[in-house]
Amino acid sequence: MSSTPSIRGARVGAGPMGEKDRGHHVDRVTKSFYCANGHETHPFFAATVLEEEIPVEIDCPHCGFPAGRDKTSPPLVSKIEPYKTHLAYVKERRTDAEAAQILDEALQAIRARREKAAAAAKARR
């Protein structure tokens, strides 16, 4: 016995191709966007979208920089922020005194759990 489908073209995605099965075709327009790295992108928009509803800037899919409609003066990145670790974000929110207090509370909780576990183990003997 064969493991192939009994009907040709019965696999997923096979079948008649046409508007009936794929939805209705909508007229579309393309607009050019340019980033500071020289990339040019052509996203599509529905032709029924008003010109003022089309975004002035998008993120460049190649580099992530902002891309605008003017080729001669693409938008510049306002500020490149370096990668921050979780610890850097925590240090922004807490003072050294608050950090010491939180650490002390966490250590007390750990010590209490250990003492409780040791007492439970001693009671089982």
C-alpha atoms as a PDB file:
ATOM      1  CA  MET A   1       0.000   0.000   0.000  1.00  0.00           C
ATOM      2  CA  SER A   2       1.291   3.449  -0.858  1.00  0.00           C
ATOM      3  CA  SER A   3       1.625   6.219   1.717  1.00  0.00           C
ATOM      4  CA  THR A   4       0.830   8.914  -0.860  1.00  0.00           C
ATOM      5  CA  PRO A   5      -2.589  10.574  -0.851  1.00  0.00           C
ATOM      6  CA  SER A   6      -5.232   8.769  -2.852  1.00  0.00           C
ATOM      7  CA  ILE A   7      -6.179  11.942  -4.677  1.00  0.00           C
ATOM      8  CA  ARG A   8      -3.469  13.870  -6.487  1.00  0.00           C
ATOM      9  CA  GLY A   9      -2.956  17.346  -5.097  1.00  0.00           C
ATOM     10  CA  ALA A  10      -4.619  16.522  -1.781  1.00  0.00           C
ATOM     11  CA  ARG A  11      -1.760  17.844   0.343  1.00  0.00           C
ATOM     12  CA  VAL A  12      -2.019  21.078   2.315  1.00  0.00           C
ATOM     13  CA  GLY A  13      -1.869  24.124   0.067  1.00  0.00           C
ATOM     14  CA  ALA A  14      -2.687  22.219  -3.095  1.00  0.00           C
ATOM     15  CA  GLY A  15      -5.787  23.043  -5.043  1.00  0.00           C
ATOM     16  CA  PRO A  16      -7.207  25.535  -7.412  1.00  0.00           C
ATOM     17  CA  MET A  17      -5.654  28.958  -7.284  1.00  0.00           C
ATOM     18  CA  GLY A  18      -7.785  31.965  -7.939  1.00  0.00           C
ATOM     19  CA  GLU A  19      -9.616  34.867  -6.381  1.00  0.00           C
ATOM     20  CA  LYS A  20     -12.390  32.559  -5.269  1.00  0.00           C
ATOM     21  CA  ASP A  21      -9.988  30.715  -2.959  1.00  0.00           C
ATOM     22  CA  ARG A  22      -7.452  33.424  -2.172  1.00  0.00           C
ATOM     23  CA  GLY A  23      -9.689  36.406  -1.463  1.00  0.00           C
ATOM     24  CA  HIS A  24     -10.436  39.477  -3.504  1.00  0.00           C
ATOM     25  CA  HIS A  25      -7.728  41.469  -5.196  1.00  0.00           C
ATOM     26  CA  VAL A  26      -7.471  45.019  -3.877  1.00  0.00           C
ATOM     27  CA  ASP A  27      -5.824  47.724  -5.921  1.00  0.00           C
ATOM     28  CA  ARG A  28      -2.635  48.865  -4.269  1.00  0.00           C
ATOM     29  CA  VAL A  29       0.025  51.509  -4.598  1.00  0.00           C
ATOM     30  CA  THR A  30       3.655  51.497  -3.578  1.00  0.00           C
ATOM     31  CA  LYS A  31       5.549  54.326  -1.957  1.00  0.00           C
ATOM     32  CA  SER A  32       9.317  54.674  -1.713  1.00  0.00           C
ATOM     33  CA  PHE A  33      11.009  55.198   1.645  1.00  0.00           C
ATOM     34  CA  TYR A  34      14.706  55.961   2.173  1.00  0.00           C
ATOM     35  CA  CYS A  35      16.867  55.548   5.282  1.00  0.00           C
ATOM     36  CA  ALA A  36      20.144  57.215   6.262  1.00  0.00           C
ATOM     37  CA  ASN A  37      22.058  54.033   5.363  1.00  0.00           C
ATOM     38  CA  GLY A  38      20.979  54.327   1.728  1.00  0.00           C
ATOM     39  CA  HIS A  39      18.381  51.556   1.751  1.00  0.00           C
ATOM     40  CA  GLU A  40      15.288  52.014  -0.379  1.00  0.00           C
ATOM     41  CA  THR A  41      12.065  50.248   0.565  1.00  0.00           C
ATOM     42  CA  HIS A  42       8.812  49.991  -1.394  1.00  0.00           C
ATOM     43  CA  PRO A  43       5.926  48.954   0.903  1.00  0.00           C
ATOM     44  CA  PHE A  44       2.457  48.525  -0.560  1.00  0.00           C
ATOM     45  CA  PHE A  45      -0.642  50.367   0.598  1.00  0.00           C
ATOM     46  CA  ALA A  46      -4.258  49.945  -0.434  1.00  0.00           C
ATOM     47  CA  ALA A  47      -5.137  52.357  -3.232  1.00  0.00           C
ATOM     48  CA  THR A  48      -8.136  53.504  -1.205  1.00  0.00           C
ATOM     49  CA  VAL A  49      -5.917  54.831   1.604  1.00  0.00           C
ATOM     50  CA  LEU A  50      -5.738  58.606   1.625  1.00  0.00           C
ATOM     51  CA  GLU A  51      -2.319  60.182   1.077  1.00  0.00           C
ATOM     52  CA  GLU A  52      -2.359  61.794   4.529  1.00  0.00           C
ATOM     53  CA  GLU A  53      -2.966  58.386   6.141  1.00  0.00           C
ATOM     54  CA  ILE A  54       0.234  56.921   4.681  1.00  0.00           C
ATOM     55  CA  PRO A  55       2.960  57.184   7.329  1.00  0.00           C
ATOM     56  CA  VAL A  56       5.648  59.826   6.938  1.00  0.00           C
ATOM     57  CA  GLU A  57       8.261  57.499   8.449  1.00  0.00           C
ATOM     58  CA  ILE A  58       8.607  53.736   8.755  1.00  0.00           C
ATOM     59  CA  ASP A  59      11.316  51.516  10.197  1.00  0.00           C
ATOM     60  CA  CYS A  60      13.737  50.325   7.526  1.00  0.00           C
ATOM     61  CA  PRO A  61      13.362  46.533   7.250  1.00  0.00           C
ATOM     62  CA  HIS A  62      17.077  46.227   6.434  1.00  0.00           C
ATOM     63  CA  CYS A  63      18.708  48.144   9.298  1.00  0.00           C
ATOM     64  CA  GLY A  64      15.905  49.367  11.601  1.00  0.00           C
ATOM     65  CA  PHE A  65      16.727  53.060  11.120  1.00  0.00           C
ATOM     66  CA  PRO A  66      13.846  55.434  10.404  1.00  0.00           C
ATOM     67  CA  ALA A  67      13.043  55.749   6.697  1.00  0.00           C
ATOM     68  CA  GLY A  68      11.254  58.717   5.152  1.00  0.00           C
ATOM     69  CA  ARG A  69       9.801  59.661   1.783  1.00  0.00           C
ATOM     70  CA  ASP A  70      12.470  62.271   0.874  1.00  0.00           C
ATOM     71  CA  LYS A  71      15.489  60.633  -0.779  1.00  0.00           C
ATOM     72  CA  THR A  72      17.696  63.716  -0.464  1.00  0.00           C
ATOM     73  CA  SER A  73      17.255  64.065   3.308  1.00  0.00           C
ATOM     74  CA  PRO A  74      16.293  60.803   4.998  1.00  0.00           C
ATOM     75  CA  PRO A  75      15.393  61.057   8.691  1.00  0.00           C
ATOM     76  CA  LEU A  76      18.247  60.738  11.139  1.00  0.00           C
ATOM     77  CA  VAL A  77      18.261  58.622  14.247  1.00  0.00           C
ATOM     78  CA  SER A  78      17.527  60.966  17.124  1.00  0.00           C
ATOM     79  CA  LYS A  79      19.694  59.070  19.597  1.00  0.00           C
ATOM     80  CA  ILE A  80      21.313  55.669  19.384  1.00  0.00           C
ATOM     81  CA  GLU A  81      20.802  54.054  22.745  1.00  0.00           C
ATOM     82  CA  PRO A  82      23.309  51.396  23.738  1.00  0.00           C
ATOM     83  CA  TYR A  83      22.101  47.984  24.830  1.00  0.00           C
ATOM     84  CA  LYS A  84      21.274  47.958  28.519  1.00  0.00           C
ATOM     85  CA  THR A  85      21.372  44.927  30.728  1.00  0.00           C
ATOM     86  CA  HIS A  86      18.632  44.109  33.196  1.00  0.00           C
ATOM     87  CA  LEU A  87      20.950  45.222  35.982  1.00  0.00           C
ATOM     88  CA  ALA A  88      21.398  48.641  34.351  1.00  0.00           C
ATOM     89  CA  TYR A  89      17.617  49.145  34.273  1.00  0.00           C
ATOM     90  CA  VAL A  90      17.318  48.060  37.903  1.00  0.00           C
ATOM     91  CA  LYS A  91      20.075  50.488  38.921  1.00  0.00           C
ATOM     92  CA  GLU A  92      18.152  53.306  37.225  1.00  0.00           C
ATOM     93  CA  ARG A  93      15.107  52.586  39.388  1.00  0.00           C
ATOM     94  CA  ARG A  94      16.796  51.895  42.756  1.00  0.00           C
ATOM     95  CA  THR A  95      19.207  53.768  44.955  1.00  0.00           C
ATOM     96  CA  ASP A  96      22.090  51.927  46.605  1.00  0.00           C
ATOM     97  CA  ALA A  97      20.265  52.074  49.956  1.00  0.00           C
ATOM     98  CA  GLU A  98      17.106  50.555  48.450  1.00  0.00           C
ATOM     99  CA  ALA A  99      19.169  47.837  46.777  1.00  0.00           C
ATOM    100  CA  ALA A 100      20.874  46.985  50.076  1.00  0.00           C
ATOM    101  CA  GLN A 101      17.504  46.803  51.825  1.00  0.00           C
ATOM    102  CA  ILE A 102      16.011  44.523  49.161  1.00  0.00           C
ATOM    103  CA  LEU A 103      19.099  42.289  49.242  1.00  0.00           C
ATOM    104  CA  ASP A 104      18.926  42.069  53.041  1.00  0.00           C
ATOM    105  CA  GLU A 105      15.217  41.118  52.902  1.00  0.00           C
ATOM    106  CA  ALA A 106      15.920  38.439  50.280  1.00  0.00           C
ATOM    107  CA  LEU A 107      18.790  36.986  52.327  1.00  0.00           C
ATOM    108  CA  GLN A 108      16.614  36.912  55.465  1.00  0.00           C
ATOM    109  CA  ALA A 109      13.894  35.047  53.534  1.00  0.00           C
ATOM    110  CA  ILE A 110      16.421  32.486  52.260  1.00  0.00           C
ATOM    111  CA  ARG A 111      17.875  31.976  55.744  1.00  0.00           C
ATOM    112  CA  ALA A 112      14.377  31.519  57.197  1.00  0.00           C
ATOM    113  CA  ARG A 113      13.543  28.885  54.546  1.00  0.00           C
ATOM    114  CA  ARG A 114      16.792  27.026  55.236  1.00  0.00           C
ATOM    115  CA  GLU A 115      16.210  27.071  58.986  1.00  0.00           C
ATOM    116  CA  LYS A 116      12.660  25.790  58.467  1.00  0.00           C
ATOM    117  CA  ALA A 117      13.880  23.013  56.142  1.00  0.00           C
ATOM    118  CA  ALA A 118      16.621  22.043  58.595  1.00  0.00           C
ATOM    119  CA  ALA A 119      14.133  21.912  61.467  1.00  0.00           C
ATOM    120  CA  ALA A 120      11.753  19.770  59.390  1.00  0.00           C
ATOM    121  CA  ALA A 121      14.587  17.376  58.463  1.00  0.00           C
ATOM    122  CA  LYS A 122      15.687  17.165  62.105  1.00  0.00           C
ATOM    123  CA  ALA A 123      12.114  16.390  63.226  1.00  0.00           C
ATOM    124  CA  ARG A 124      11.852  13.498  60.724  1.00  0.00           C
ATOM    125  CA  ARG A 125      14.874  11.704  62.184  1.00  0.00           C
END
